[in-house]
């Protein structure tokens, strides 16, 4: 064999040997890379990437929580018992009292005020009116609080705790709207809407789920079906209608 042919054979043998070694090493490296990628997919956390939510329902969510319902009834120093105006106001306030939950109705009388005697007499009438309106007698509590001054007439405060739909307070302005060029909702956007919607909920539980359906009135259902079957439908309507009546 010539010298040039021997050199070409040696080079080819070396290339084949190197290629087999490379391929032999590439298989375990590739397997390790695939395993690493799969393990990364398995352990990846669910993270939401983005800016502050641009949705008023997320920024000002409506929540169901206990809230202290209260009303201050002014009492004059010369009053002797409950007046007609106080009676109407208190009855309107007690309309939102949940008799099934029966929370404690607290009547706070000012102590050390100019109208202390009149407020004490009015508070007794308030308690009797509350019982007559359906509040259990053992759920009415009459207490006192220290008046701010002995020279002024302090009101009688009536309060109870109830479950209400509510959201956070409005009026947050962390930044000037003029200082931003981004077309995004400002911090207070939608707050008043959410508060108004929460205030209109007569039963906050409606936000949590549907109520149980009432029983079916079989007699009324039969009458409705009879009227539906006996209704008069013109022939032209039936011929042009795609619905089979």
Protein backbone atom coordinates (compact mmCIF):
# COMPACT_ATOMS: atom_id res chain seq x y z
CA UNK A 1 0.00 0.00 0.00
CA UNK A 2 1.28 3.42 -0.85
CA UNK A 3 2.09 5.97 1.81
CA UNK A 4 -0.74 8.30 0.75
CA UNK A 5 -3.30 5.50 0.85
CA UNK A 6 -2.09 4.43 4.29
CA UNK A 7 -2.49 7.98 5.59
CA UNK A 8 -6.04 8.24 4.22
CA UNK A 9 -6.99 4.93 5.84
CA UNK A 10 -5.60 6.03 9.18
CA UNK A 11 -7.52 9.32 9.09
CA UNK A 12 -10.81 7.56 8.23
CA UNK A 13 -10.33 5.06 11.06
CA UNK A 14 -9.62 7.87 13.52
CA UNK A 15 -12.72 9.79 12.42
CA UNK A 16 -14.96 6.71 12.82
CA UNK A 17 -13.54 5.99 16.28
CA UNK A 18 -14.02 9.59 17.40
CA UNK A 19 -17.56 9.69 16.08
CA UNK A 20 -18.51 6.54 17.98
CA UNK A 21 -17.05 8.00 21.17
CA UNK A 22 -18.94 11.23 20.68
CA UNK A 23 -22.18 9.43 20.01
CA UNK A 24 -21.62 7.21 23.01
CA UNK A 25 -21.22 10.25 25.22
CA UNK A 26 -24.09 12.19 23.62
CA UNK A 27 -26.74 9.67 24.64
CA UNK A 28 -26.35 10.03 28.44
CA UNK A 29 -25.97 13.83 28.14
CA UNK A 30 -29.21 14.04 26.15
CA UNK A 31 -31.02 11.82 28.66
CA UNK A 32 -29.88 14.04 31.54
CA UNK A 33 -31.06 17.17 29.74
CA UNK A 34 -34.51 15.69 29.03
CA UNK A 35 -34.85 14.54 32.65
CA UNK A 36 -33.92 18.01 33.89
CA UNK A 37 -36.52 19.63 31.64
CA UNK A 38 -39.23 17.22 32.79
CA UNK A 39 -38.38 17.74 36.44
CA UNK A 40 -38.55 21.48 35.89
CA UNK A 41 -42.01 21.15 34.40
CA UNK A 42 -43.18 18.98 37.28
CA UNK A 43 -41.95 21.35 40.00
CA UNK A 44 -42.89 24.63 38.34
CA UNK A 45 -44.96 26.90 40.56
CA UNK A 46 -48.18 28.47 39.32
CA UNK A 47 -47.20 32.13 39.36
CA UNK A 48 -49.15 34.83 37.62
CA UNK A 49 -46.85 37.38 36.10
CA UNK A 50 -48.25 40.83 35.48
CA UNK A 51 -48.97 44.24 36.89
CA UNK A 52 -51.54 45.26 39.49
CA UNK A 53 -55.01 43.92 38.54
CA UNK A 54 -56.87 46.36 36.34
CA UNK A 55 -60.34 45.22 37.39
CA UNK A 56 -62.54 47.12 39.85
CA UNK A 57 -64.07 43.86 41.08
CA UNK A 58 -60.60 42.67 42.09
CA UNK A 59 -59.47 46.01 43.52
CA UNK A 60 -62.73 46.53 45.46
CA UNK A 61 -64.20 43.08 46.12
CA UNK A 62 -67.56 42.66 47.85
CA UNK A 63 -67.20 40.51 50.96
CA UNK A 64 -69.71 39.06 53.42
CA UNK A 65 -68.82 40.05 56.97
CA UNK A 66 -70.29 41.27 60.23
CA UNK A 67 -70.96 44.98 60.46
CA UNK A 68 -72.12 47.11 63.36
CA UNK A 69 -75.43 48.76 62.50
CA UNK A 70 -76.03 51.84 64.64
CA UNK A 71 -78.19 54.93 64.87
CA UNK A 72 -78.01 57.96 67.14
CA UNK A 73 -81.36 59.27 68.34
CA UNK A 74 -81.18 62.86 69.62
CA UNK A 75 -83.04 63.50 72.88
CA UNK A 76 -83.80 66.96 74.20
CA UNK A 77 -83.19 67.81 77.84
CA UNK A 78 -86.85 68.75 78.22
CA UNK A 79 -88.28 65.59 76.60
CA UNK A 80 -90.33 63.20 78.67
CA UNK A 81 -90.14 59.82 77.05
CA UNK A 82 -90.05 58.80 73.38
CA UNK A 83 -91.37 61.24 70.79
CA UNK A 84 -93.27 60.36 67.61
CA UNK A 85 -90.31 61.22 65.42
CA UNK A 86 -88.01 58.99 67.46
CA UNK A 87 -90.52 56.17 67.25
CA UNK A 88 -90.73 56.29 63.44
CA UNK A 89 -86.96 56.51 63.09
CA UNK A 90 -86.34 53.58 65.41
CA UNK A 91 -88.93 51.39 63.68
CA UNK A 92 -87.29 52.10 60.34
CA UNK A 93 -83.93 51.16 61.81
CA UNK A 94 -85.30 47.91 63.27
CA UNK A 95 -86.60 46.83 59.85
CA UNK A 96 -83.08 45.57 59.07
CA UNK A 97 -82.90 43.58 62.33
CA UNK A 98 -82.67 39.85 61.58
CA UNK A 99 -85.11 38.17 63.95
CA UNK A 100 -83.93 34.69 62.97
CA UNK A 101 -80.32 35.48 63.97
CA UNK A 102 -81.51 37.52 66.99
CA UNK A 103 -78.34 39.54 67.63
CA UNK A 104 -78.02 41.62 70.79
CA UNK A 105 -79.70 45.03 70.53
CA UNK A 106 -77.67 47.50 72.56
CA UNK A 107 -79.16 50.80 73.76
CA UNK A 108 -76.49 53.17 75.09
CA UNK A 109 -77.62 56.02 77.34
CA UNK A 110 -75.36 59.08 77.87
CA UNK A 111 -74.08 59.54 81.40
CA UNK A 112 -73.16 62.96 82.76
CA UNK A 113 -74.81 64.89 79.93
CA UNK A 114 -77.32 67.72 80.14
CA UNK A 115 -80.11 65.39 79.00
CA UNK A 116 -79.21 62.36 81.13
CA UNK A 117 -82.64 62.13 82.82
CA UNK A 118 -84.56 62.57 79.57
CA UNK A 119 -82.30 60.12 77.73
CA UNK A 120 -82.81 57.47 80.41
CA UNK A 121 -86.60 57.76 80.11
CA UNK A 122 -86.43 57.66 76.32
CA UNK A 123 -84.16 54.60 76.39
CA UNK A 124 -86.75 52.67 78.42
CA UNK A 125 -89.36 53.50 75.78
CA UNK A 126 -86.94 52.46 73.04
CA UNK A 127 -86.48 49.08 74.71
CA UNK A 128 -90.24 48.52 75.00
CA UNK A 129 -90.72 49.49 71.36
CA UNK A 130 -88.00 47.08 70.26
CA UNK A 131 -89.67 44.21 72.10
CA UNK A 132 -93.01 45.12 70.52
CA UNK A 133 -91.31 45.13 67.10
CA UNK A 134 -90.21 41.50 67.51
CA UNK A 135 -86.85 41.70 69.29
CA UNK A 136 -86.62 39.15 72.08
CA UNK A 137 -86.61 40.69 75.53
CA UNK A 138 -83.48 38.85 76.60
CA UNK A 139 -81.63 40.25 73.56
CA UNK A 140 -82.14 43.90 74.56
CA UNK A 141 -79.29 45.36 76.62
CA UNK A 142 -79.35 48.90 78.08
CA UNK A 143 -75.94 50.32 78.96
CA UNK A 144 -74.42 53.76 79.46
CA UNK A 145 -71.51 55.67 78.01
CA UNK A 146 -69.66 58.73 79.26
CA UNK A 147 -70.82 61.92 77.59
CA UNK A 148 -68.20 64.26 76.15
CA UNK A 149 -69.52 67.28 78.08
CA UNK A 150 -72.04 67.96 80.84
CA UNK A 151 -73.22 71.10 79.06
CA UNK A 152 -74.54 69.48 75.89
CA UNK A 153 -77.25 66.92 75.12
CA UNK A 154 -75.84 63.63 73.86
CA UNK A 155 -77.86 61.16 71.77
CA UNK A 156 -79.05 57.67 72.67
CA UNK A 157 -77.22 55.15 70.51
CA UNK A 158 -78.99 51.98 69.35
CA UNK A 159 -76.88 49.31 67.66
CA UNK A 160 -76.72 45.65 66.71
CA UNK A 161 -74.34 43.44 64.72
CA UNK A 162 -75.52 41.94 61.44
CA UNK A 163 -74.03 40.17 58.44
CA UNK A 164 -73.79 42.54 55.50
CA UNK A 165 -72.29 42.69 52.04
CA UNK A 166 -69.62 45.35 52.09
CA UNK A 167 -66.39 46.51 50.50
CA UNK A 168 -63.53 48.79 51.41
CA UNK A 169 -63.89 52.53 51.95
CA UNK A 170 -63.71 54.81 48.96
CA UNK A 171 -61.50 57.84 48.54
CA UNK A 172 -58.04 56.32 47.98
CA UNK A 173 -55.96 58.57 45.75
CA UNK A 174 -52.35 57.35 46.05
CA UNK A 175 -51.27 59.13 42.87
CA UNK A 176 -52.28 62.10 40.77
CA UNK A 177 -54.12 61.04 37.62
CA UNK A 178 -52.34 63.73 35.64
CA UNK A 179 -48.92 62.28 36.43
CA UNK A 180 -49.48 59.01 34.57
CA UNK A 181 -49.76 58.36 30.87
CA UNK A 182 -50.90 54.75 31.25
CA UNK A 183 -54.46 53.99 30.24
CA UNK A 184 -55.33 52.07 33.42
CA UNK A 185 -57.98 52.32 36.08
CA UNK A 186 -57.13 54.60 38.96
CA UNK A 187 -57.12 53.20 42.50
CA UNK A 188 -60.62 54.43 43.43
CA UNK A 189 -62.25 53.38 40.16
CA UNK A 190 -65.41 51.32 40.72
CA UNK A 191 -65.38 51.72 44.52
CA UNK A 192 -68.63 53.68 44.73
CA UNK A 193 -70.33 51.27 42.32
CA UNK A 194 -69.32 48.27 44.43
CA UNK A 195 -70.46 50.00 47.63
CA UNK A 196 -73.85 50.84 46.12
CA UNK A 197 -74.29 47.29 44.86
CA UNK A 198 -73.41 45.87 48.28
CA UNK A 199 -75.86 48.26 50.00
CA UNK A 200 -78.72 47.05 47.76
CA UNK A 201 -78.31 43.40 48.77
CA UNK A 202 -81.30 42.55 50.97
CA UNK A 203 -79.91 39.08 51.62
CA UNK A 204 -76.08 38.91 51.46
CA UNK A 205 -76.28 35.12 51.23
CA UNK A 206 -77.47 35.54 47.63
CA UNK A 207 -73.86 36.36 46.72
CA UNK A 208 -72.71 33.00 48.08
CA UNK A 209 -75.16 30.76 46.26
CA UNK A 210 -78.74 30.29 45.08
CA UNK A 211 -81.62 29.82 47.47
CA UNK A 212 -83.67 26.65 47.70
CA UNK A 213 -86.48 26.56 45.17
CA UNK A 214 -89.99 26.89 46.53
CA UNK A 215 -92.59 24.17 46.04
CA UNK A 216 -94.40 24.08 42.71
CA UNK A 217 -98.03 25.19 42.64
CA UNK A 218 -99.50 22.30 40.65
CA UNK A 219 -102.91 23.95 40.24
CA UNK A 220 -101.45 27.16 38.86
CA UNK A 221 -99.08 25.22 36.63
CA UNK A 222 -102.00 23.26 35.16
CA UNK A 223 -103.95 26.46 34.48
CA UNK A 224 -100.97 28.01 32.70
CA UNK A 225 -100.48 24.91 30.55
CA UNK A 226 -104.19 24.89 29.60
CA UNK A 227 -104.04 28.52 28.53
CA UNK A 228 -100.90 27.80 26.53
CA UNK A 229 -102.54 24.88 24.72
CA UNK A 230 -105.82 26.68 24.03
CA UNK A 231 -104.27 29.86 22.65
CA UNK A 232 -105.34 30.85 19.16
CA UNK A 233 -102.66 30.71 16.48
CA UNK A 234 -103.43 31.78 12.92
CA UNK A 235 -102.87 29.41 10.04
CA UNK A 236 -100.56 31.87 8.28
CA UNK A 237 -98.32 31.95 11.33
CA UNK A 238 -98.19 28.18 11.54
CA UNK A 239 -97.38 27.79 7.85
CA UNK A 240 -94.56 30.34 7.97
CA UNK A 241 -93.14 29.28 11.32
CA UNK A 242 -90.14 27.01 11.62
CA UNK A 243 -91.31 25.86 15.05
CA UNK A 244 -93.67 22.92 15.33
CA UNK A 245 -96.48 24.02 17.64
